[in-house]
PDB file of all heavy atoms in Angstrom:
ATOM      1  N   ARG A   1     -42.475 108.881 -32.053  1.00  0.00           N
ATOM      2  CA  ARG A   1     -43.911 108.814 -32.291  1.00  0.00           C
ATOM      3  C   ARG A   1     -44.236 107.758 -33.348  1.00  0.00           C
ATOM      4  O   ARG A   1     -45.186 106.972 -33.215  1.00  0.00           O
ATOM      5  CB  ARG A   1     -44.424 110.191 -32.754  1.00  0.00           C
ATOM      6  CG  ARG A   1     -45.940 110.294 -32.838  1.00  0.00           C
ATOM      7  CD  ARG A   1     -46.310 111.665 -33.395  1.00  0.00           C
ATOM      8  NE  ARG A   1     -45.859 112.741 -32.547  1.00  0.00           N
ATOM      9  CZ  ARG A   1     -46.564 113.209 -31.502  1.00  0.00           C
ATOM     10  NH1 ARG A   1     -47.745 112.702 -31.215  1.00  0.00           N
ATOM     11  NH2 ARG A   1     -46.092 114.218 -30.764  1.00  0.00           N
ATOM     12  N   GLY A   2     -43.421 107.665 -34.394  1.00  0.00           N
ATOM     13  CA  GLY A   2     -43.648 106.674 -35.441  1.00  0.00           C
ATOM     14  C   GLY A   2     -43.369 105.266 -34.974  1.00  0.00           C
ATOM     15  O   GLY A   2     -43.845 104.297 -35.579  1.00  0.00           O
ATOM     16  N   LEU A   3     -42.606 105.131 -33.867  1.00  0.00           N
ATOM     17  CA  LEU A   3     -42.295 103.807 -33.344  1.00  0.00           C
ATOM     18  C   LEU A   3     -43.514 103.077 -32.813  1.00  0.00           C
ATOM     19  O   LEU A   3     -43.546 101.853 -32.748  1.00  0.00           O
ATOM     20  CB  LEU A   3     -41.245 103.956 -32.218  1.00  0.00           C
ATOM     21  CG  LEU A   3     -40.665 102.711 -31.595  1.00  0.00           C
ATOM     22  CD1 LEU A   3     -39.923 101.863 -32.632  1.00  0.00           C
ATOM     23  CD2 LEU A   3     -39.733 103.087 -30.436  1.00  0.00           C
ATOM     24  N   ARG A   4     -44.581 103.833 -32.494  1.00  0.00           N
ATOM     25  CA  ARG A   4     -45.785 103.203 -31.998  1.00  0.00           C
ATOM     26  C   ARG A   4     -46.351 102.186 -32.984  1.00  0.00           C
ATOM     27  O   ARG A   4     -46.806 101.098 -32.610  1.00  0.00           O
ATOM     28  CB  ARG A   4     -46.846 104.272 -31.661  1.00  0.00           C
ATOM     29  CG  ARG A   4     -46.527 105.085 -30.429  1.00  0.00           C
ATOM     30  CD  ARG A   4     -47.575 106.149 -30.171  1.00  0.00           C
ATOM     31  NE  ARG A   4     -48.883 105.543 -29.955  1.00  0.00           N
ATOM     32  CZ  ARG A   4     -50.013 106.283 -29.846  1.00  0.00           C
ATOM     33  NH1 ARG A   4     -49.958 107.578 -29.913  1.00  0.00           N
ATOM     34  NH2 ARG A   4     -51.171 105.666 -29.640  1.00  0.00           N
ATOM     35  N   GLY A   5     -46.367 102.560 -34.267  1.00  0.00           N
ATOM     36  CA  GLY A   5     -46.893 101.654 -35.269  1.00  0.00           C
ATOM     37  C   GLY A   5     -46.089 100.356 -35.365  1.00  0.00           C
ATOM     38  O   GLY A   5     -46.651  99.281 -35.489  1.00  0.00           O
ATOM     39  N   THR A   6     -44.765 100.496 -35.285  1.00  0.00           N
ATOM     40  CA  THR A   6     -43.920  99.306 -35.322  1.00  0.00           C
ATOM     41  C   THR A   6     -44.174  98.383 -34.152  1.00  0.00           C
ATOM     42  O   THR A   6     -44.251  97.156 -34.304  1.00  0.00           O
ATOM     43  CB  THR A   6     -42.434  99.730 -35.354  1.00  0.00           C
ATOM     44  OG1 THR A   6     -42.184 100.577 -36.478  1.00  0.00           O
ATOM     45  CG2 THR A   6     -41.517  98.505 -35.453  1.00  0.00           C
ATOM     46  N   MET A   7     -44.303  98.971 -32.942  1.00  0.00           N
ATOM     47  CA  MET A   7     -44.529  98.136 -31.770  1.00  0.00           C
ATOM     48  C   MET A   7     -45.918  97.503 -31.797  1.00  0.00           C
ATOM     49  O   MET A   7     -46.074  96.352 -31.358  1.00  0.00           O
ATOM     50  CB  MET A   7     -44.353  98.989 -30.511  1.00  0.00           C
ATOM     51  CG  MET A   7     -42.913  99.377 -30.222  1.00  0.00           C
ATOM     52  SD  MET A   7     -41.792  97.988 -29.942  1.00  0.00           S
ATOM     53  CE  MET A   7     -40.873  97.971 -31.525  1.00  0.00           C
ATOM     54  N   ALA A   8     -46.900  98.194 -32.330  1.00  0.00           N
ATOM     55  CA  ALA A   8     -48.234  97.592 -32.457  1.00  0.00           C
ATOM     56  C   ALA A   8     -48.178  96.371 -33.377  1.00  0.00           C
ATOM     57  O   ALA A   8     -48.769  95.335 -33.125  1.00  0.00           O
ATOM     58  CB  ALA A   8     -49.235  98.633 -32.935  1.00  0.00           C
ATOM     59  N   ARG A   9     -47.497  96.546 -34.486  1.00  0.00           N
ATOM     60  CA  ARG A   9     -47.366  95.446 -35.458  1.00  0.00           C
ATOM     61  C   ARG A   9     -46.582  94.275 -34.863  1.00  0.00           C
ATOM     62  O   ARG A   9     -46.932  93.111 -35.042  1.00  0.00           O
ATOM     63  CB  ARG A   9     -46.687  95.948 -36.739  1.00  0.00           C
ATOM     64  CG  ARG A   9     -46.543  94.943 -37.847  1.00  0.00           C
ATOM     65  CD  ARG A   9     -47.898  94.606 -38.483  1.00  0.00           C
ATOM     66  NE  ARG A   9     -47.733  93.673 -39.570  1.00  0.00           N
ATOM     67  CZ  ARG A   9     -47.578  94.042 -40.856  1.00  0.00           C
ATOM     68  NH1 ARG A   9     -47.518  95.328 -41.177  1.00  0.00           N
ATOM     69  NH2 ARG A   9     -47.452  93.143 -41.784  1.00  0.00           N
ATOM     70  N   MET A  10     -45.486  94.601 -34.122  1.00  0.00           N
ATOM     71  CA  MET A  10     -44.694  93.538 -33.528  1.00  0.00           C
ATOM     72  C   MET A  10     -45.476  92.752 -32.498  1.00  0.00           C
ATOM     73  O   MET A  10     -45.318  91.538 -32.385  1.00  0.00           O
ATOM     74  CB  MET A  10     -43.421  94.136 -32.894  1.00  0.00           C
ATOM     75  CG  MET A  10     -42.398  93.098 -32.471  1.00  0.00           C
ATOM     76  SD  MET A  10     -41.736  92.192 -33.914  1.00  0.00           S
ATOM     77  CE  MET A  10     -41.307  90.629 -33.134  1.00  0.00           C
ATOM     78  N   ALA A  11     -46.300  93.433 -31.713  1.00  0.00           N
ATOM     79  CA  ALA A  11     -47.139  92.749 -30.728  1.00  0.00           C
ATOM     80  C   ALA A  11     -48.074  91.740 -31.411  1.00  0.00           C
ATOM     81  O   ALA A  11     -48.238  90.633 -30.951  1.00  0.00           O
ATOM     82  CB  ALA A  11     -47.938  93.738 -29.922  1.00  0.00           C
ATOM     83  N   GLN A  12     -48.623  92.132 -32.574  1.00  0.00           N
ATOM     84  CA  GLN A  12     -49.492  91.224 -33.295  1.00  0.00           C
ATOM     85  C   GLN A  12     -48.729  90.031 -33.854  1.00  0.00           C
ATOM     86  O   GLN A  12     -49.185  88.889 -33.795  1.00  0.00           O
ATOM     87  CB  GLN A  12     -50.170  91.999 -34.446  1.00  0.00           C
ATOM     88  CG  GLN A  12     -51.133  93.062 -33.937  1.00  0.00           C
ATOM     89  CD  GLN A  12     -51.586  94.003 -35.047  1.00  0.00           C
ATOM     90  OE1 GLN A  12     -50.927  94.106 -36.111  1.00  0.00           O
ATOM     91  NE2 GLN A  12     -52.657  94.737 -34.799  1.00  0.00           N
ATOM     92  N   VAL A  13     -47.533  90.288 -34.379  1.00  0.00           N
ATOM     93  CA  VAL A  13     -46.731  89.198 -34.967  1.00  0.00           C
ATOM     94  C   VAL A  13     -46.288  88.220 -33.880  1.00  0.00           C
ATOM     95  O   VAL A  13     -46.272  87.005 -34.092  1.00  0.00           O
ATOM     96  CB  VAL A  13     -45.521  89.781 -35.725  1.00  0.00           C
ATOM     97  CG1 VAL A  13     -44.554  88.680 -36.121  1.00  0.00           C
ATOM     98  CG2 VAL A  13     -45.998  90.515 -36.996  1.00  0.00           C
ATOM     99  N   LEU A  14     -45.921  88.724 -32.704  1.00  0.00           N
ATOM    100  CA  LEU A  14     -45.537  87.856 -31.603  1.00  0.00           C
ATOM    101  C   LEU A  14     -46.706  86.943 -31.198  1.00  0.00           C
ATOM    102  O   LEU A  14     -46.520  85.773 -30.861  1.00  0.00           O
ATOM    103  CB  LEU A  14     -45.067  88.668 -30.424  1.00  0.00           C
ATOM    104  CG  LEU A  14     -43.639  89.212 -30.499  1.00  0.00           C
ATOM    105  CD1 LEU A  14     -43.410  90.230 -29.396  1.00  0.00           C
ATOM    106  CD2 LEU A  14     -42.621  88.070 -30.393  1.00  0.00           C
ATOM    107  N   GLN A  15     -47.903  87.465 -31.274  1.00  0.00           N
ATOM    108  CA  GLN A  15     -49.074  86.628 -30.989  1.00  0.00           C
ATOM    109  C   GLN A  15     -49.220  85.525 -32.033  1.00  0.00           C
ATOM    110  O   GLN A  15     -49.550  84.392 -31.726  1.00  0.00           O
ATOM    111  CB  GLN A  15     -50.320  87.476 -30.920  1.00  0.00           C
ATOM    112  CG  GLN A  15     -50.432  88.341 -29.694  1.00  0.00           C
ATOM    113  CD  GLN A  15     -51.653  89.200 -29.655  1.00  0.00           C
ATOM    114  OE1 GLN A  15     -52.102  89.768 -30.674  1.00  0.00           O
ATOM    115  NE2 GLN A  15     -52.315  89.295 -28.514  1.00  0.00           N
ATOM    116  N   ASP A  16     -48.953  85.877 -33.306  1.00  0.00           N
ATOM    117  CA  ASP A  16     -49.001  84.854 -34.380  1.00  0.00           C
ATOM    118  C   ASP A  16     -47.990  83.745 -34.143  1.00  0.00           C
ATOM    119  O   ASP A  16     -48.280  82.559 -34.270  1.00  0.00           O
ATOM    120  CB  ASP A  16     -48.763  85.508 -35.739  1.00  0.00           C
ATOM    121  CG  ASP A  16     -49.870  86.459 -36.159  1.00  0.00           C
ATOM    122  OD1 ASP A  16     -50.991  86.350 -35.588  1.00  0.00           O
ATOM    123  OD2 ASP A  16     -49.634  87.314 -37.045  1.00  0.00           O
ATOM    124  N   ILE A  17     -46.752  84.141 -33.814  1.00  0.00           N
ATOM    125  CA  ILE A  17     -45.705  83.158 -33.561  1.00  0.00           C
ATOM    126  C   ILE A  17     -46.050  82.303 -32.372  1.00  0.00           C
ATOM    127  O   ILE A  17     -45.852  81.081 -32.384  1.00  0.00           O
ATOM    128  CB  ILE A  17     -44.338  83.866 -33.336  1.00  0.00           C
ATOM    129  CG1 ILE A  17     -43.919  84.613 -34.611  1.00  0.00           C
ATOM    130  CG2 ILE A  17     -43.264  82.868 -32.930  1.00  0.00           C
ATOM    131  CD1 ILE A  17     -42.670  85.501 -34.436  1.00  0.00           C
ATOM    132  N   THR A  18     -46.585  82.936 -31.315  1.00  0.00           N
ATOM    133  CA  THR A  18     -46.961  82.175 -30.110  1.00  0.00           C
ATOM    134  C   THR A  18     -48.053  81.169 -30.402  1.00  0.00           C
ATOM    135  O   THR A  18     -48.001  79.998 -29.926  1.00  0.00           O
ATOM    136  CB  THR A  18     -47.416  83.145 -29.010  1.00  0.00           C
ATOM    137  OG1 THR A  18     -46.348  84.052 -28.707  1.00  0.00           O
ATOM    138  CG2 THR A  18     -47.782  82.381 -27.748  1.00  0.00           C
ATOM    139  N   ARG A  19     -49.050  81.549 -31.201  1.00  0.00           N
ATOM    140  CA  ARG A  19     -50.119  80.612 -31.541  1.00  0.00           C
ATOM    141  C   ARG A  19     -49.560  79.376 -32.263  1.00  0.00           C
ATOM    142  O   ARG A  19     -49.958  78.241 -32.015  1.00  0.00           O
ATOM    143  CB  ARG A  19     -51.168  81.303 -32.411  1.00  0.00           C
ATOM    144  CG  ARG A  19     -52.199  82.121 -31.629  1.00  0.00           C
ATOM    145  CD  ARG A  19     -53.379  82.488 -32.483  1.00  0.00           C
ATOM    146  NE  ARG A  19     -52.987  83.433 -33.528  1.00  0.00           N
ATOM    147  CZ  ARG A  19     -53.051  84.776 -33.386  1.00  0.00           C
ATOM    148  NH1 ARG A  19     -53.462  85.268 -32.250  1.00  0.00           N
ATOM    149  NH2 ARG A  19     -52.708  85.543 -34.367  1.00  0.00           N
ATOM    150  N   HIS A  20     -48.640  79.622 -33.174  1.00  0.00           N
ATOM    151  CA  HIS A  20     -48.031  78.489 -33.895  1.00  0.00           C
ATOM    152  C   HIS A  20     -47.244  77.610 -32.939  1.00  0.00           C
ATOM    153  O   HIS A  20     -47.336  76.363 -33.003  1.00  0.00           O
ATOM    154  CB  HIS A  20     -47.111  79.009 -34.998  1.00  0.00           C
ATOM    155  CG  HIS A  20     -46.306  77.960 -35.665  1.00  0.00           C
ATOM    156  ND1 HIS A  20     -44.946  77.997 -35.724  1.00  0.00           N
ATOM    157  CD2 HIS A  20     -46.697  76.808 -36.303  1.00  0.00           C
ATOM    158  CE1 HIS A  20     -44.518  76.903 -36.354  1.00  0.00           C
ATOM    159  NE2 HIS A  20     -45.547  76.190 -36.728  1.00  0.00           N
ATOM    160  N   GLN A  21     -46.481  78.205 -32.036  1.00  0.00           N
ATOM    161  CA  GLN A  21     -45.656  77.415 -31.120  1.00  0.00           C
ATOM    162  C   GLN A  21     -46.514  76.642 -30.099  1.00  0.00           C
ATOM    163  O   GLN A  21     -46.112  75.595 -29.618  1.00  0.00           O
ATOM    164  CB  GLN A  21     -44.669  78.323 -30.389  1.00  0.00           C
ATOM    165  CG  GLN A  21     -43.504  78.803 -31.286  1.00  0.00           C
ATOM    166  CD  GLN A  21     -42.694  77.644 -31.802  1.00  0.00           C
ATOM    167  OE1 GLN A  21     -42.397  76.706 -31.093  1.00  0.00           O
ATOM    168  NE2 GLN A  21     -42.270  77.746 -33.069  1.00  0.00           N
ATOM    169  N   ARG A  22     -47.671  77.151 -29.788  1.00  0.00           N
ATOM    170  CA  ARG A  22     -48.586  76.423 -28.859  1.00  0.00           C
ATOM    171  C   ARG A  22     -49.013  75.091 -29.507  1.00  0.00           C
ATOM    172  O   ARG A  22     -49.326  74.117 -28.793  1.00  0.00           O
ATOM    173  CB  ARG A  22     -49.796  77.266 -28.550  1.00  0.00           C
ATOM    174  CG  ARG A  22     -49.571  78.368 -27.558  1.00  0.00           C
ATOM    175  CD  ARG A  22     -50.867  78.829 -26.918  1.00  0.00           C
ATOM    176  NE  ARG A  22     -50.637  80.045 -26.129  1.00  0.00           N
ATOM    177  CZ  ARG A  22     -51.059  81.250 -26.465  1.00  0.00           C
ATOM    178  NH1 ARG A  22     -51.744  81.432 -27.594  1.00  0.00           N
ATOM    179  NH2 ARG A  22     -50.854  82.294 -25.693  1.00  0.00           N
ATOM    180  N   ASP A  23     -49.086  75.058 -30.821  1.00  0.00           N
ATOM    181  CA  ASP A  23     -49.467  73.790 -31.499  1.00  0.00           C
ATOM    182  C   ASP A  23     -48.326  72.775 -31.491  1.00  0.00           C
ATOM    183  O   ASP A  23     -48.551  71.583 -31.745  1.00  0.00           O
ATOM    184  CB  ASP A  23     -49.871  74.093 -32.961  1.00  0.00           C
ATOM    185  CG  ASP A  23     -51.147  74.904 -33.058  1.00  0.00           C
ATOM    186  OD1 ASP A  23     -51.943  74.870 -32.110  1.00  0.00           O
ATOM    187  OD2 ASP A  23     -51.309  75.594 -34.084  1.00  0.00           O
ATOM    188  N   LEU A  24     -47.092  73.257 -31.210  1.00  0.00           N
ATOM    189  CA  LEU A  24     -45.935  72.380 -31.279  1.00  0.00           C
ATOM    190  C   LEU A  24     -45.326  72.052 -29.920  1.00  0.00           C
ATOM    191  O   LEU A  24     -44.474  71.182 -29.837  1.00  0.00           O
ATOM    192  CB  LEU A  24     -44.834  73.052 -32.146  1.00  0.00           C
ATOM    193  CG  LEU A  24     -45.229  73.464 -33.549  1.00  0.00           C
ATOM    194  CD1 LEU A  24     -44.093  74.219 -34.223  1.00  0.00           C
ATOM    195  CD2 LEU A  24     -45.644  72.248 -34.389  1.00  0.00           C
ATOM    196  N   ASN A  25     -45.762  72.764 -28.875  1.00  0.00           N
ATOM    197  CA  ASN A  25     -45.128  72.599 -27.569  1.00  0.00           C
ATOM    198  C   ASN A  25     -46.184  72.415 -26.484  1.00  0.00           C
ATOM    199  O   ASN A  25     -47.305  72.924 -26.600  1.00  0.00           O
ATOM    200  CB  ASN A  25     -44.266  73.843 -27.224  1.00  0.00           C
ATOM    201  CG  ASN A  25     -43.067  73.974 -28.137  1.00  0.00           C
ATOM    202  OD1 ASN A  25     -42.039  73.369 -27.921  1.00  0.00           O
ATOM    203  ND2 ASN A  25     -43.201  74.815 -29.181  1.00  0.00           N
ATOM    204  N   PRO A  26     -45.807  71.740 -25.376  1.00  0.00           N
ATOM    205  CA  PRO A  26     -46.738  71.600 -24.259  1.00  0.00           C
ATOM    206  C   PRO A  26     -46.851  72.914 -23.512  1.00  0.00           C
ATOM    207  O   PRO A  26     -45.996  73.785 -23.605  1.00  0.00           O
ATOM    208  CB  PRO A  26     -46.058  70.532 -23.380  1.00  0.00           C
ATOM    209  CG  PRO A  26     -44.604  70.684 -23.692  1.00  0.00           C
ATOM    210  CD  PRO A  26     -44.519  71.042 -25.158  1.00  0.00           C
ATOM    211  N   PRO A  27     -47.966  73.112 -22.768  1.00  0.00           N
ATOM    212  CA  PRO A  27     -48.100  74.341 -21.938  1.00  0.00           C
ATOM    213  C   PRO A  27     -46.907  74.463 -20.999  1.00  0.00           C
ATOM    214  O   PRO A  27     -46.413  73.511 -20.441  1.00  0.00           O
ATOM    215  CB  PRO A  27     -49.393  74.077 -21.185  1.00  0.00           C
ATOM    216  CG  PRO A  27     -50.147  73.094 -22.013  1.00  0.00           C
ATOM    217  CD  PRO A  27     -49.111  72.207 -22.672  1.00  0.00           C
ATOM    218  N   GLY A  28     -46.443  75.707 -20.829  1.00  0.00           N
ATOM    219  CA  GLY A  28     -45.325  75.973 -19.945  1.00  0.00           C
ATOM    220  C   GLY A  28     -43.970  75.761 -20.569  1.00  0.00           C
ATOM    221  O   GLY A  28     -42.960  75.907 -19.881  1.00  0.00           O
ATOM    222  N   ALA A  29     -43.898  75.444 -21.870  1.00  0.00           N
ATOM    223  CA  ALA A  29     -42.606  75.271 -22.519  1.00  0.00           C
ATOM    224  C   ALA A  29     -41.790  76.560 -22.493  1.00  0.00           C
ATOM    225  O   ALA A  29     -42.363  77.662 -22.500  1.00  0.00           O
ATOM    226  CB  ALA A  29     -42.823  74.820 -23.968  1.00  0.00           C
ATOM    227  N   GLU A  30     -40.475  76.423 -22.452  1.00  0.00           N
ATOM    228  CA  GLU A  30     -39.614  77.585 -22.335  1.00  0.00           C
ATOM    229  C   GLU A  30     -39.793  78.561 -23.489  1.00  0.00           C
ATOM    230  O   GLU A  30     -39.804  79.773 -23.267  1.00  0.00           O
ATOM    231  CB  GLU A  30     -38.133  77.127 -22.292  1.00  0.00           C
ATOM    232  CG  GLU A  30     -37.104  78.254 -22.192  1.00  0.00           C
ATOM    233  CD  GLU A  30     -37.151  78.973 -20.878  1.00  0.00           C
ATOM    234  OE1 GLU A  30     -37.851  78.535 -19.937  1.00  0.00           O
ATOM    235  OE2 GLU A  30     -36.457  80.021 -20.771  1.00  0.00           O
ATOM    236  N   ILE A  31     -40.001  78.060 -24.691  1.00  0.00           N
ATOM    237  CA  ILE A  31     -40.175  78.972 -25.833  1.00  0.00           C
ATOM    238  C   ILE A  31     -41.443  79.805 -25.663  1.00  0.00           C
ATOM    239  O   ILE A  31     -41.456  80.988 -26.001  1.00  0.00           O
ATOM    240  CB  ILE A  31     -40.222  78.173 -27.166  1.00  0.00           C
ATOM    241  CG1 ILE A  31     -40.277  79.127 -28.362  1.00  0.00           C
ATOM    242  CG2 ILE A  31     -41.405  77.181 -27.203  1.00  0.00           C
ATOM    243  CD1 ILE A  31     -39.054  79.960 -28.571  1.00  0.00           C
TER     244      ILE A  31
END
């Protein structure tokens, strides 16, 4: 039950990392 909070936070952080990588890579990049 407590894992839900961790997964919600991880989903947000992955979005942050993806936004940064979009500034560094072309659309469709493997990363």
